[in-house]
Amino acid sequence: MGGSERGHGRATKKAYEGQKITVTFEARRCLHAAECVRGLPEVFDTDQRPWIRPDGAEAERLAEVVRRCPSGARQYELVDGGAETPPRPTRITRDSTGQLVVHGESVTDLPE
């Protein structure tokens, strides 16, 4: 386990590999809504290193929590080949603090 970084233009994603699922995290997109930490504190623990431990929960449950990420900073890919599909159409809403939250494809996810 652990994290590995992959460069994607300006964005850097860090991958956390588990036996059945890999979770990626892109810090510059994170809104710190803490959906992940509240949803699965046994996987997402900011006091530990690595702070994402994919084998701490069943892959399907982890995928469900990752899909709640309002910024798309967290994504997943199942070892058997299944990957997260962003919701379509893209939705833009405001959270309780007034920030805009985007669910769907980001500019970096669109085909060239």
PDB file of N, CA and C in Angstrom:
ATOM      1  N   MET A   1       0.833  -1.180   0.000  1.00  0.00           N
ATOM      2  CA  MET A   1       0.000   0.000   0.000  1.00  0.00           C
ATOM      3  C   MET A   1       0.871   1.234   0.000  1.00  0.00           C
ATOM      4  N   GLY A   2       0.264   2.378   0.270  1.00  0.00           N
ATOM      5  CA  GLY A   2       1.013   3.620   0.221  1.00  0.00           C
ATOM      6  C   GLY A   2       0.486   4.467  -0.894  1.00  0.00           C
ATOM      7  N   GLY A   3       1.191   5.499  -1.232  1.00  0.00           N
ATOM      8  CA  GLY A   3       0.723   6.397  -2.274  1.00  0.00           C
ATOM      9  C   GLY A   3       1.782   6.571  -3.323  1.00  0.00           C
ATOM     10  N   SER A   4       1.341   6.736  -4.551  1.00  0.00           N
ATOM     11  CA  SER A   4       2.268   7.058  -5.633  1.00  0.00           C
ATOM     12  C   SER A   4       1.682   8.232  -6.390  1.00  0.00           C
ATOM     13  N   GLU A   5       2.549   9.115  -6.871  1.00  0.00           N
ATOM     14  CA  GLU A   5       2.067  10.307  -7.561  1.00  0.00           C
ATOM     15  C   GLU A   5       2.166  10.112  -9.055  1.00  0.00           C
ATOM     16  N   ARG A   6       1.157  10.621  -9.763  1.00  0.00           N
ATOM     17  CA  ARG A   6       1.149  10.610 -11.217  1.00  0.00           C
ATOM     18  C   ARG A   6       0.878  12.018 -11.678  1.00  0.00           C
ATOM     19  N   GLY A   7       1.682  12.514 -12.601  1.00  0.00           N
ATOM     20  CA  GLY A   7       1.475  13.864 -13.110  1.00  0.00           C
ATOM     21  C   GLY A   7       0.451  13.865 -14.232  1.00  0.00           C
ATOM     22  N   HIS A   8      -0.448  14.800 -14.211  1.00  0.00           N
ATOM     23  CA  HIS A   8      -1.459  14.989 -15.265  1.00  0.00           C
ATOM     24  C   HIS A   8      -1.503  16.478 -15.569  1.00  0.00           C
ATOM     25  N   GLY A   9      -0.538  16.956 -16.360  1.00  0.00           N
ATOM     26  CA  GLY A   9      -0.495  18.390 -16.630  1.00  0.00           C
ATOM     27  C   GLY A   9      -0.200  19.120 -15.339  1.00  0.00           C
ATOM     28  N   ARG A  10      -1.070  20.054 -14.970  1.00  0.00           N
ATOM     29  CA  ARG A  10      -0.884  20.825 -13.738  1.00  0.00           C
ATOM     30  C   ARG A  10      -1.318  20.044 -12.505  1.00  0.00           C
ATOM     31  N   ALA A  11      -2.192  19.072 -12.699  1.00  0.00           N
ATOM     32  CA  ALA A  11      -2.742  18.338 -11.570  1.00  0.00           C
ATOM     33  C   ALA A  11      -1.832  17.172 -11.195  1.00  0.00           C
ATOM     34  N   THR A  12      -1.711  16.909  -9.910  1.00  0.00           N
ATOM     35  CA  THR A  12      -0.994  15.736  -9.443  1.00  0.00           C
ATOM     36  C   THR A  12      -1.951  14.925  -8.597  1.00  0.00           C
ATOM     37  N   LYS A  13      -2.168  13.685  -9.006  1.00  0.00           N
ATOM     38  CA  LYS A  13      -3.004  12.776  -8.242  1.00  0.00           C
ATOM     39  C   LYS A  13      -2.105  11.816  -7.494  1.00  0.00           C
ATOM     40  N   LYS A  14      -2.517  11.473  -6.303  1.00  0.00           N
ATOM     41  CA  LYS A  14      -1.805  10.481  -5.519  1.00  0.00           C
ATOM     42  C   LYS A  14      -2.696   9.252  -5.451  1.00  0.00           C
ATOM     43  N   ALA A  15      -2.140   8.090  -5.763  1.00  0.00           N
ATOM     44  CA  ALA A  15      -2.909   6.846  -5.787  1.00  0.00           C
ATOM     45  C   ALA A  15      -2.616   6.024  -4.542  1.00  0.00           C
ATOM     46  N   TYR A  16      -3.676   5.500  -3.937  1.00  0.00           N
ATOM     47  CA  TYR A  16      -3.587   4.634  -2.767  1.00  0.00           C
ATOM     48  C   TYR A  16      -4.164   3.285  -3.172  1.00  0.00           C
ATOM     49  N   GLU A  17      -3.296   2.304  -3.318  1.00  0.00           N
ATOM     50  CA  GLU A  17      -3.705   1.009  -3.860  1.00  0.00           C
ATOM     51  C   GLU A  17      -4.061   0.032  -2.752  1.00  0.00           C
ATOM     52  N   GLY A  18      -5.227  -0.603  -2.915  1.00  0.00           N
ATOM     53  CA  GLY A  18      -5.663  -1.666  -2.020  1.00  0.00           C
ATOM     54  C   GLY A  18      -5.747  -2.963  -2.803  1.00  0.00           C
ATOM     55  N   GLN A  19      -6.172  -4.020  -2.163  1.00  0.00           N
ATOM     56  CA  GLN A  19      -6.274  -5.314  -2.833  1.00  0.00           C
ATOM     57  C   GLN A  19      -7.384  -5.332  -3.874  1.00  0.00           C
ATOM     58  N   LYS A  20      -8.488  -4.612  -3.630  1.00  0.00           N
ATOM     59  CA  LYS A  20      -9.632  -4.651  -4.546  1.00  0.00           C
ATOM     60  C   LYS A  20      -9.986  -3.309  -5.155  1.00  0.00           C
ATOM     61  N   ILE A  21      -9.412  -2.229  -4.621  1.00  0.00           N
ATOM     62  CA  ILE A  21      -9.768  -0.888  -5.096  1.00  0.00           C
ATOM     63  C   ILE A  21      -8.571   0.046  -4.915  1.00  0.00           C
ATOM     64  N   THR A  22      -8.413   0.954  -5.864  1.00  0.00           N
ATOM     65  CA  THR A  22      -7.417   2.012  -5.761  1.00  0.00           C
ATOM     66  C   THR A  22      -8.159   3.329  -5.668  1.00  0.00           C
ATOM     67  N   VAL A  23      -7.798   4.143  -4.695  1.00  0.00           N
ATOM     68  CA  VAL A  23      -8.409   5.461  -4.507  1.00  0.00           C
ATOM     69  C   VAL A  23      -7.362   6.505  -4.874  1.00  0.00           C
ATOM     70  N   THR A  24      -7.753   7.482  -5.680  1.00  0.00           N
ATOM     71  CA  THR A  24      -6.848   8.573  -6.003  1.00  0.00           C
ATOM     72  C   THR A  24      -7.330   9.842  -5.309  1.00  0.00           C
ATOM     73  N   PHE A  25      -6.364  10.714  -5.034  1.00  0.00           N
ATOM     74  CA  PHE A  25      -6.670  11.973  -4.356  1.00  0.00           C
ATOM     75  C   PHE A  25      -5.896  13.091  -5.029  1.00  0.00           C
ATOM     76  N   GLU A  26      -6.619  14.156  -5.370  1.00  0.00           N
ATOM     77  CA  GLU A  26      -6.031  15.335  -5.999  1.00  0.00           C
ATOM     78  C   GLU A  26      -6.251  16.515  -5.055  1.00  0.00           C
ATOM     79  N   ALA A  27      -5.209  16.857  -4.285  1.00  0.00           N
ATOM     80  CA  ALA A  27      -5.321  17.840  -3.203  1.00  0.00           C
ATOM     81  C   ALA A  27      -5.839  19.195  -3.665  1.00  0.00           C
ATOM     82  N   ARG A  28      -5.439  19.661  -4.851  1.00  0.00           N
ATOM     83  CA  ARG A  28      -5.835  21.010  -5.277  1.00  0.00           C
ATOM     84  C   ARG A  28      -7.337  21.120  -5.532  1.00  0.00           C
ATOM     85  N   ARG A  29      -8.034  19.994  -5.709  1.00  0.00           N
ATOM     86  CA  ARG A  29      -9.481  20.017  -5.935  1.00  0.00           C
ATOM     87  C   ARG A  29     -10.288  19.894  -4.650  1.00  0.00           C
ATOM     88  N   CYS A  30      -9.644  19.497  -3.562  1.00  0.00           N
ATOM     89  CA  CYS A  30     -10.356  19.181  -2.326  1.00  0.00           C
ATOM     90  C   CYS A  30     -10.985  20.428  -1.705  1.00  0.00           C
ATOM     91  N   LEU A  31     -12.251  20.308  -1.314  1.00  0.00           N
ATOM     92  CA  LEU A  31     -12.982  21.394  -0.646  1.00  0.00           C
ATOM     93  C   LEU A  31     -13.006  21.195   0.867  1.00  0.00           C
ATOM     94  N   HIS A  32     -12.433  20.124   1.361  1.00  0.00           N
ATOM     95  CA  HIS A  32     -12.397  19.795   2.785  1.00  0.00           C
ATOM     96  C   HIS A  32     -13.797  19.687   3.380  1.00  0.00           C
ATOM     97  N   ALA A  33     -14.716  19.115   2.611  1.00  0.00           N
ATOM     98  CA  ALA A  33     -16.077  18.894   3.088  1.00  0.00           C
ATOM     99  C   ALA A  33     -16.119  17.736   4.086  1.00  0.00           C
ATOM    100  N   ALA A  34     -15.088  16.900   4.101  1.00  0.00           N
ATOM    101  CA  ALA A  34     -14.923  15.782   5.047  1.00  0.00           C
ATOM    102  C   ALA A  34     -15.956  14.681   4.889  1.00  0.00           C
ATOM    103  N   GLU A  35     -16.584  14.585   3.727  1.00  0.00           N
ATOM    104  CA  GLU A  35     -17.523  13.485   3.474  1.00  0.00           C
ATOM    105  C   GLU A  35     -16.817  12.140   3.637  1.00  0.00           C
ATOM    106  N   CYS A  36     -15.577  12.065   3.198  1.00  0.00           N
ATOM    107  CA  CYS A  36     -14.818  10.815   3.278  1.00  0.00           C
ATOM    108  C   CYS A  36     -14.520  10.462   4.727  1.00  0.00           C
ATOM    109  N   VAL A  37     -14.026  11.420   5.493  1.00  0.00           N
ATOM    110  CA  VAL A  37     -13.645  11.176   6.885  1.00  0.00           C
ATOM    111  C   VAL A  37     -14.860  10.789   7.717  1.00  0.00           C
ATOM    112  N   ARG A  38     -15.984  11.481   7.511  1.00  0.00           N
ATOM    113  CA  ARG A  38     -17.215  11.139   8.235  1.00  0.00           C
ATOM    114  C   ARG A  38     -17.774   9.804   7.771  1.00  0.00           C
ATOM    115  N   GLY A  39     -17.656   9.519   6.472  1.00  0.00           N
ATOM    116  CA  GLY A  39     -18.241   8.302   5.915  1.00  0.00           C
ATOM    117  C   GLY A  39     -17.495   7.035   6.273  1.00  0.00           C
ATOM    118  N   LEU A  40     -16.165   7.086   6.288  1.00  0.00           N
ATOM    119  CA  LEU A  40     -15.350   5.905   6.599  1.00  0.00           C
ATOM    120  C   LEU A  40     -14.072   6.323   7.336  1.00  0.00           C
ATOM    121  N   PRO A  41     -14.197   6.676   8.604  1.00  0.00           N
ATOM    122  CA  PRO A  41     -13.009   7.110   9.337  1.00  0.00           C
ATOM    123  C   PRO A  41     -11.943   6.017   9.448  1.00  0.00           C
ATOM    124  N   GLU A  42     -12.339   4.747   9.309  1.00  0.00           N
ATOM    125  CA  GLU A  42     -11.362   3.659   9.362  1.00  0.00           C
ATOM    126  C   GLU A  42     -10.508   3.586   8.094  1.00  0.00           C
ATOM    127  N   VAL A  43     -10.925   4.251   7.030  1.00  0.00           N
ATOM    128  CA  VAL A  43     -10.165   4.318   5.780  1.00  0.00           C
ATOM    129  C   VAL A  43      -9.487   5.674   5.636  1.00  0.00           C
ATOM    130  N   PHE A  44     -10.216   6.748   5.910  1.00  0.00           N
ATOM    131  CA  PHE A  44      -9.723   8.117   5.743  1.00  0.00           C
ATOM    132  C   PHE A  44      -9.399   8.697   7.115  1.00  0.00           C
ATOM    133  N   ASP A  45      -8.115   8.699   7.467  1.00  0.00           N
ATOM    134  CA  ASP A  45      -7.688   9.174   8.776  1.00  0.00           C
ATOM    135  C   ASP A  45      -6.528  10.151   8.575  1.00  0.00           C
ATOM    136  N   THR A  46      -6.817  11.435   8.694  1.00  0.00           N
ATOM    137  CA  THR A  46      -5.808  12.467   8.422  1.00  0.00           C
ATOM    138  C   THR A  46      -4.684  12.486   9.454  1.00  0.00           C
ATOM    139  N   ASP A  47      -4.827  11.754  10.567  1.00  0.00           N
ATOM    140  CA  ASP A  47      -3.761  11.680  11.568  1.00  0.00           C
ATOM    141  C   ASP A  47      -2.785  10.540  11.285  1.00  0.00           C
ATOM    142  N   GLN A  48      -3.067   9.712  10.284  1.00  0.00           N
ATOM    143  CA  GLN A  48      -2.224   8.568   9.950  1.00  0.00           C
ATOM    144  C   GLN A  48      -1.510   8.790   8.625  1.00  0.00           C
ATOM    145  N   ARG A  49      -0.450   8.039   8.386  1.00  0.00           N
ATOM    146  CA  ARG A  49       0.235   8.030   7.098  1.00  0.00           C
ATOM    147  C   ARG A  49       0.409   6.597   6.648  1.00  0.00           C
ATOM    148  N   PRO A  50      -0.026   6.190   5.497  1.00  0.00           N
ATOM    149  CA  PRO A  50      -0.803   7.014   4.580  1.00  0.00           C
ATOM    150  C   PRO A  50      -2.182   7.295   5.165  1.00  0.00           C
ATOM    151  N   TRP A  51      -2.763   8.414   4.784  1.00  0.00           N
ATOM    152  CA  TRP A  51      -4.038   8.816   5.376  1.00  0.00           C
ATOM    153  C   TRP A  51      -5.241   8.144   4.724  1.00  0.00           C
ATOM    154  N   ILE A  52      -5.035   7.529   3.553  1.00  0.00           N
ATOM    155  CA  ILE A  52      -6.090   6.745   2.900  1.00  0.00           C
ATOM    156  C   ILE A  52      -5.631   5.296   2.896  1.00  0.00           C
ATOM    157  N   ARG A  53      -6.431   4.414   3.492  1.00  0.00           N
ATOM    158  CA  ARG A  53      -6.120   2.987   3.586  1.00  0.00           C
ATOM    159  C   ARG A  53      -7.271   2.194   2.976  1.00  0.00           C
ATOM    160  N   PRO A  54      -7.191   1.936   1.669  1.00  0.00           N
ATOM    161  CA  PRO A  54      -8.305   1.315   0.944  1.00  0.00           C
ATOM    162  C   PRO A  54      -8.742  -0.050   1.470  1.00  0.00           C
ATOM    163  N   ASP A  55      -7.858  -0.794   2.096  1.00  0.00           N
ATOM    164  CA  ASP A  55      -8.237  -2.115   2.590  1.00  0.00           C
ATOM    165  C   ASP A  55      -8.944  -2.055   3.945  1.00  0.00           C
ATOM    166  N   GLY A  56      -9.237  -0.854   4.433  1.00  0.00           N
ATOM    167  CA  GLY A  56      -9.926  -0.696   5.707  1.00  0.00           C
ATOM    168  C   GLY A  56     -11.430  -0.893   5.634  1.00  0.00           C
ATOM    169  N   ALA A  57     -11.965  -1.111   4.434  1.00  0.00           N
ATOM    170  CA  ALA A  57     -13.413  -1.316   4.257  1.00  0.00           C
ATOM    171  C   ALA A  57     -13.632  -2.112   2.975  1.00  0.00           C
ATOM    172  N   GLU A  58     -14.817  -2.658   2.826  1.00  0.00           N
ATOM    173  CA  GLU A  58     -15.177  -3.370   1.603  1.00  0.00           C
ATOM    174  C   GLU A  58     -15.122  -2.390   0.423  1.00  0.00           C
ATOM    175  N   ALA A  59     -14.672  -2.873  -0.724  1.00  0.00           N
ATOM    176  CA  ALA A  59     -14.480  -2.023  -1.909  1.00  0.00           C
ATOM    177  C   ALA A  59     -15.757  -1.301  -2.312  1.00  0.00           C
ATOM    178  N   GLU A  60     -16.903  -1.975  -2.302  1.00  0.00           N
ATOM    179  CA  GLU A  60     -18.156  -1.335  -2.723  1.00  0.00           C
ATOM    180  C   GLU A  60     -18.563  -0.223  -1.760  1.00  0.00           C
ATOM    181  N   ARG A  61     -18.361  -0.439  -0.469  1.00  0.00           N
ATOM    182  CA  ARG A  61     -18.682   0.601   0.519  1.00  0.00           C
ATOM    183  C   ARG A  61     -17.753   1.798   0.351  1.00  0.00           C
ATOM    184  N   LEU A  62     -16.470   1.528   0.119  1.00  0.00           N
ATOM    185  CA  LEU A  62     -15.507   2.598  -0.104  1.00  0.00           C
ATOM    186  C   LEU A  62     -15.862   3.387  -1.360  1.00  0.00           C
ATOM    187  N   ALA A  63     -16.228   2.686  -2.432  1.00  0.00           N
ATOM    188  CA  ALA A  63     -16.620   3.363  -3.672  1.00  0.00           C
ATOM    189  C   ALA A  63     -17.825   4.270  -3.429  1.00  0.00           C
ATOM    190  N   GLU A  64     -18.776   3.790  -2.635  1.00  0.00           N
ATOM    191  CA  GLU A  64     -19.964   4.593  -2.318  1.00  0.00           C
ATOM    192  C   GLU A  64     -19.581   5.897  -1.618  1.00  0.00           C
ATOM    193  N   VAL A  65     -18.668   5.828  -0.661  1.00  0.00           N
ATOM    194  CA  VAL A  65     -18.235   7.020   0.064  1.00  0.00           C
ATOM    195  C   VAL A  65     -17.435   7.945  -0.841  1.00  0.00           C
ATOM    196  N   VAL A  66     -16.571   7.384  -1.682  1.00  0.00           N
ATOM    197  CA  VAL A  66     -15.785   8.215  -2.609  1.00  0.00           C
ATOM    198  C   VAL A  66     -16.703   8.976  -3.561  1.00  0.00           C
ATOM    199  N   ARG A  67     -17.780   8.360  -4.006  1.00  0.00           N
ATOM    200  CA  ARG A  67     -18.723   9.035  -4.915  1.00  0.00           C
ATOM    201  C   ARG A  67     -19.389  10.230  -4.263  1.00  0.00           C
ATOM    202  N   ARG A  68     -19.401  10.307  -2.937  1.00  0.00           N
ATOM    203  CA  ARG A  68     -19.990  11.452  -2.226  1.00  0.00           C
ATOM    204  C   ARG A  68     -19.092  12.678  -2.234  1.00  0.00           C
ATOM    205  N   CYS A  69     -17.847  12.539  -2.638  1.00  0.00           N
ATOM    206  CA  CYS A  69     -16.906  13.657  -2.618  1.00  0.00           C
ATOM    207  C   CYS A  69     -17.447  14.788  -3.495  1.00  0.00           C
ATOM    208  N   PRO A  70     -17.769  15.941  -2.919  1.00  0.00           N
ATOM    209  CA  PRO A  70     -18.394  17.006  -3.696  1.00  0.00           C
ATOM    210  C   PRO A  70     -17.479  17.663  -4.721  1.00  0.00           C
ATOM    211  N   SER A  71     -16.175  17.547  -4.544  1.00  0.00           N
ATOM    212  CA  SER A  71     -15.246  18.213  -5.459  1.00  0.00           C
ATOM    213  C   SER A  71     -14.685  17.293  -6.537  1.00  0.00           C
ATOM    214  N   GLY A  72     -14.821  15.986  -6.350  1.00  0.00           N
ATOM    215  CA  GLY A  72     -14.192  15.045  -7.271  1.00  0.00           C
ATOM    216  C   GLY A  72     -12.716  14.860  -6.976  1.00  0.00           C
ATOM    217  N   ALA A  73     -12.245  15.360  -5.840  1.00  0.00           N
ATOM    218  CA  ALA A  73     -10.832  15.214  -5.483  1.00  0.00           C
ATOM    219  C   ALA A  73     -10.475  13.750  -5.247  1.00  0.00           C
ATOM    220  N   ARG A  74     -11.442  12.965  -4.827  1.00  0.00           N
ATOM    221  CA  ARG A  74     -11.255  11.538  -4.639  1.00  0.00           C
ATOM    222  C   ARG A  74     -11.981  10.790  -5.732  1.00  0.00           C
ATOM    223  N   GLN A  75     -11.308   9.819  -6.297  1.00  0.00           N
ATOM    224  CA  GLN A  75     -11.918   8.947  -7.299  1.00  0.00           C
ATOM    225  C   GLN A  75     -11.430   7.536  -7.025  1.00  0.00           C
ATOM    226  N   TYR A  76     -12.010   6.560  -7.715  1.00  0.00           N
ATOM    227  CA  TYR A  76     -11.605   5.185  -7.471  1.00  0.00           C
ATOM    228  C   TYR A  76     -11.576   4.388  -8.759  1.00  0.00           C
ATOM    229  N   GLU A  77     -10.869   3.279  -8.686  1.00  0.00           N
ATOM    230  CA  GLU A  77     -10.865   2.282  -9.758  1.00  0.00           C
ATOM    231  C   GLU A  77     -10.804   0.921  -9.085  1.00  0.00           C
ATOM    232  N   LEU A  78     -11.730   0.052  -9.467  1.00  0.00           N
ATOM    233  CA  LEU A  78     -11.747  -1.294  -8.915  1.00  0.00           C
ATOM    234  C   LEU A  78     -10.682  -2.126  -9.611  1.00  0.00           C
ATOM    235  N   VAL A  79     -10.035  -3.014  -8.876  1.00  0.00           N
ATOM    236  CA  VAL A  79      -8.977  -3.844  -9.436  1.00  0.00           C
ATOM    237  C   VAL A  79      -9.502  -4.688 -10.595  1.00  0.00           C
ATOM    238  N   ASP A  80     -10.778  -5.095 -10.533  1.00  0.00           N
ATOM    239  CA  ASP A  80     -11.345  -5.909 -11.612  1.00  0.00           C
ATOM    240  C   ASP A  80     -11.669  -5.099 -12.863  1.00  0.00           C
ATOM    241  N   GLY A  81     -11.298  -3.822 -12.858  1.00  0.00           N
ATOM    242  CA  GLY A  81     -11.466  -2.997 -14.052  1.00  0.00           C
ATOM    243  C   GLY A  81     -12.582  -1.973 -13.982  1.00  0.00           C
ATOM    244  N   GLY A  82     -13.471  -2.084 -13.022  1.00  0.00           N
ATOM    245  CA  GLY A  82     -14.545  -1.109 -12.915  1.00  0.00           C
ATOM    246  C   GLY A  82     -14.014   0.223 -12.425  1.00  0.00           C
ATOM    247  N   ALA A  83     -14.429   1.299 -13.066  1.00  0.00           N
ATOM    248  CA  ALA A  83     -13.973   2.633 -12.668  1.00  0.00           C
ATOM    249  C   ALA A  83     -15.178   3.522 -12.399  1.00  0.00           C
ATOM    250  N   GLU A  84     -14.921   4.571 -11.670  1.00  0.00           N
ATOM    251  CA  GLU A  84     -15.960   5.543 -11.366  1.00  0.00           C
ATOM    252  C   GLU A  84     -16.375   6.260 -12.636  1.00  0.00           C
ATOM    253  N   THR A  85     -17.670   6.408 -12.821  1.00  0.00           N
ATOM    254  CA  THR A  85     -18.206   7.174 -13.937  1.00  0.00           C
ATOM    255  C   THR A  85     -18.826   8.440 -13.374  1.00  0.00           C
ATOM    256  N   PRO A  86     -18.338   9.608 -13.796  1.00  0.00           N
ATOM    257  CA  PRO A  86     -18.904  10.844 -13.256  1.00  0.00           C
ATOM    258  C   PRO A  86     -20.369  10.994 -13.646  1.00  0.00           C
ATOM    259  N   PRO A  87     -21.174  11.572 -12.752  1.00  0.00           N
ATOM    260  CA  PRO A  87     -22.587  11.763 -13.073  1.00  0.00           C
ATOM    261  C   PRO A  87     -22.762  12.696 -14.270  1.00  0.00           C
ATOM    262  N   ARG A  88     -23.748  12.414 -15.071  1.00  0.00           N
ATOM    263  CA  ARG A  88     -24.084  13.267 -16.206  1.00  0.00           C
ATOM    264  C   ARG A  88     -25.574  13.539 -16.143  1.00  0.00           C
ATOM    265  N   PRO A  89     -26.031  14.688 -16.360  1.00  0.00           N
ATOM    266  CA  PRO A  89     -25.239  15.883 -16.636  1.00  0.00           C
ATOM    267  C   PRO A  89     -24.568  16.379 -15.359  1.00  0.00           C
ATOM    268  N   THR A  90     -23.575  17.210 -15.530  1.00  0.00           N
ATOM    269  CA  THR A  90     -22.880  17.817 -14.401  1.00  0.00           C
ATOM    270  C   THR A  90     -23.870  18.699 -13.641  1.00  0.00           C
ATOM    271  N   ARG A  91     -23.857  18.582 -12.302  1.00  0.00           N
ATOM    272  CA  ARG A  91     -24.737  19.392 -11.452  1.00  0.00           C
ATOM    273  C   ARG A  91     -23.896  20.383 -10.664  1.00  0.00           C
ATOM    274  N   ILE A  92     -24.397  21.594 -10.534  1.00  0.00           N
ATOM    275  CA  ILE A  92     -23.741  22.625  -9.725  1.00  0.00           C
ATOM    276  C   ILE A  92     -24.741  23.083  -8.675  1.00  0.00           C
ATOM    277  N   THR A  93     -24.332  22.979  -7.401  1.00  0.00           N
ATOM    278  CA  THR A  93     -25.194  23.385  -6.288  1.00  0.00           C
ATOM    279  C   THR A  93     -24.368  24.227  -5.321  1.00  0.00           C
ATOM    280  N   ARG A  94     -25.017  24.785  -4.318  1.00  0.00           N
ATOM    281  CA  ARG A  94     -24.318  25.512  -3.251  1.00  0.00           C
ATOM    282  C   ARG A  94     -24.391  24.675  -1.983  1.00  0.00           C
ATOM    283  N   ASP A  95     -23.285  24.645  -1.230  1.00  0.00           N
ATOM    284  CA  ASP A  95     -23.315  23.947   0.045  1.00  0.00           C
ATOM    285  C   ASP A  95     -23.803  24.906   1.126  1.00  0.00           C
ATOM    286  N   SER A  96     -23.802  24.436   2.370  1.00  0.00           N
ATOM    287  CA  SER A  96     -24.344  25.243   3.471  1.00  0.00           C
ATOM    288  C   SER A  96     -23.534  26.511   3.741  1.00  0.00           C
ATOM    289  N   THR A  97     -22.282  26.564   3.257  1.00  0.00           N
ATOM    290  CA  THR A  97     -21.460  27.763   3.451  1.00  0.00           C
ATOM    291  C   THR A  97     -21.527  28.711   2.263  1.00  0.00           C
ATOM    292  N   GLY A  98     -22.264  28.316   1.220  1.00  0.00           N
ATOM    293  CA  GLY A  98     -22.402  29.158   0.048  1.00  0.00           C
ATOM    294  C   GLY A  98     -21.432  28.834  -1.076  1.00  0.00           C
ATOM    295  N   GLN A  99     -20.514  27.893  -0.849  1.00  0.00           N
ATOM    296  CA  GLN A  99     -19.579  27.511  -1.910  1.00  0.00           C
ATOM    297  C   GLN A  99     -20.290  26.699  -2.983  1.00  0.00           C
ATOM    298  N   LEU A 100     -19.831  26.861  -4.207  1.00  0.00           N
ATOM    299  CA  LEU A 100     -20.368  26.063  -5.303  1.00  0.00           C
ATOM    300  C   LEU A 100     -19.765  24.667  -5.261  1.00  0.00           C
ATOM    301  N   VAL A 101     -20.603  23.659  -5.475  1.00  0.00           N
ATOM    302  CA  VAL A 101     -20.172  22.267  -5.493  1.00  0.00           C
ATOM    303  C   VAL A 101     -20.548  21.700  -6.850  1.00  0.00           C
ATOM    304  N   VAL A 102     -19.577  21.099  -7.535  1.00  0.00           N
ATOM    305  CA  VAL A 102     -19.788  20.550  -8.869  1.00  0.00           C
ATOM    306  C   VAL A 102     -19.707  19.029  -8.797  1.00  0.00           C
ATOM    307  N   HIS A 103     -20.737  18.344  -9.282  1.00  0.00           N
ATOM    308  CA  HIS A 103     -20.753  16.888  -9.390  1.00  0.00           C
ATOM    309  C   HIS A 103     -20.813  16.547 -10.867  1.00  0.00           C
ATOM    310  N   GLY A 104     -19.801  15.851 -11.358  1.00  0.00           N
ATOM    311  CA  GLY A 104     -19.785  15.461 -12.763  1.00  0.00           C
ATOM    312  C   GLY A 104     -18.391  15.567 -13.324  1.00  0.00           C
ATOM    313  N   GLU A 105     -18.306  15.701 -14.636  1.00  0.00           N
ATOM    314  CA  GLU A 105     -17.018  15.765 -15.287  1.00  0.00           C
ATOM    315  C   GLU A 105     -16.383  17.126 -15.090  1.00  0.00           C
ATOM    316  N   SER A 106     -15.100  17.113 -14.769  1.00  0.00           N
ATOM    317  CA  SER A 106     -14.374  18.364 -14.675  1.00  0.00           C
ATOM    318  C   SER A 106     -13.684  18.611 -16.011  1.00  0.00           C
ATOM    319  N   VAL A 107     -13.122  19.766 -16.174  1.00  0.00           N
ATOM    320  CA  VAL A 107     -12.415  20.093 -17.410  1.00  0.00           C
ATOM    321  C   VAL A 107     -11.280  19.105 -17.642  1.00  0.00           C
ATOM    322  N   THR A 108     -10.630  18.625 -16.565  1.00  0.00           N
ATOM    323  CA  THR A 108      -9.524  17.680 -16.727  1.00  0.00           C
ATOM    324  C   THR A 108     -10.010  16.293 -17.102  1.00  0.00           C
ATOM    325  N   ASP A 109     -11.327  15.994 -16.930  1.00  0.00           N
ATOM    326  CA  ASP A 109     -11.866  14.686 -17.261  1.00  0.00           C
ATOM    327  C   ASP A 109     -12.355  14.595 -18.697  1.00  0.00           C
ATOM    328  N   LEU A 110     -12.511  15.727 -19.376  1.00  0.00           N
ATOM    329  CA  LEU A 110     -13.087  15.739 -20.709  1.00  0.00           C
ATOM    330  C   LEU A 110     -12.076  15.243 -21.739  1.00  0.00           C
ATOM    331  N   PRO A 111     -12.544  14.555 -22.791  1.00  0.00           N
ATOM    332  CA  PRO A 111     -11.617  14.108 -23.836  1.00  0.00           C
ATOM    333  C   PRO A 111     -11.017  15.295 -24.563  1.00  0.00           C
ATOM    334  N   GLU A 112      -9.805  15.106 -25.080  1.00  0.00           N
ATOM    335  CA  GLU A 112      -9.120  16.202 -25.791  1.00  0.00           C
ATOM    336  C   GLU A 112      -9.646  16.352 -27.204  1.00  0.00           C
TER     337      GLU A 112
END
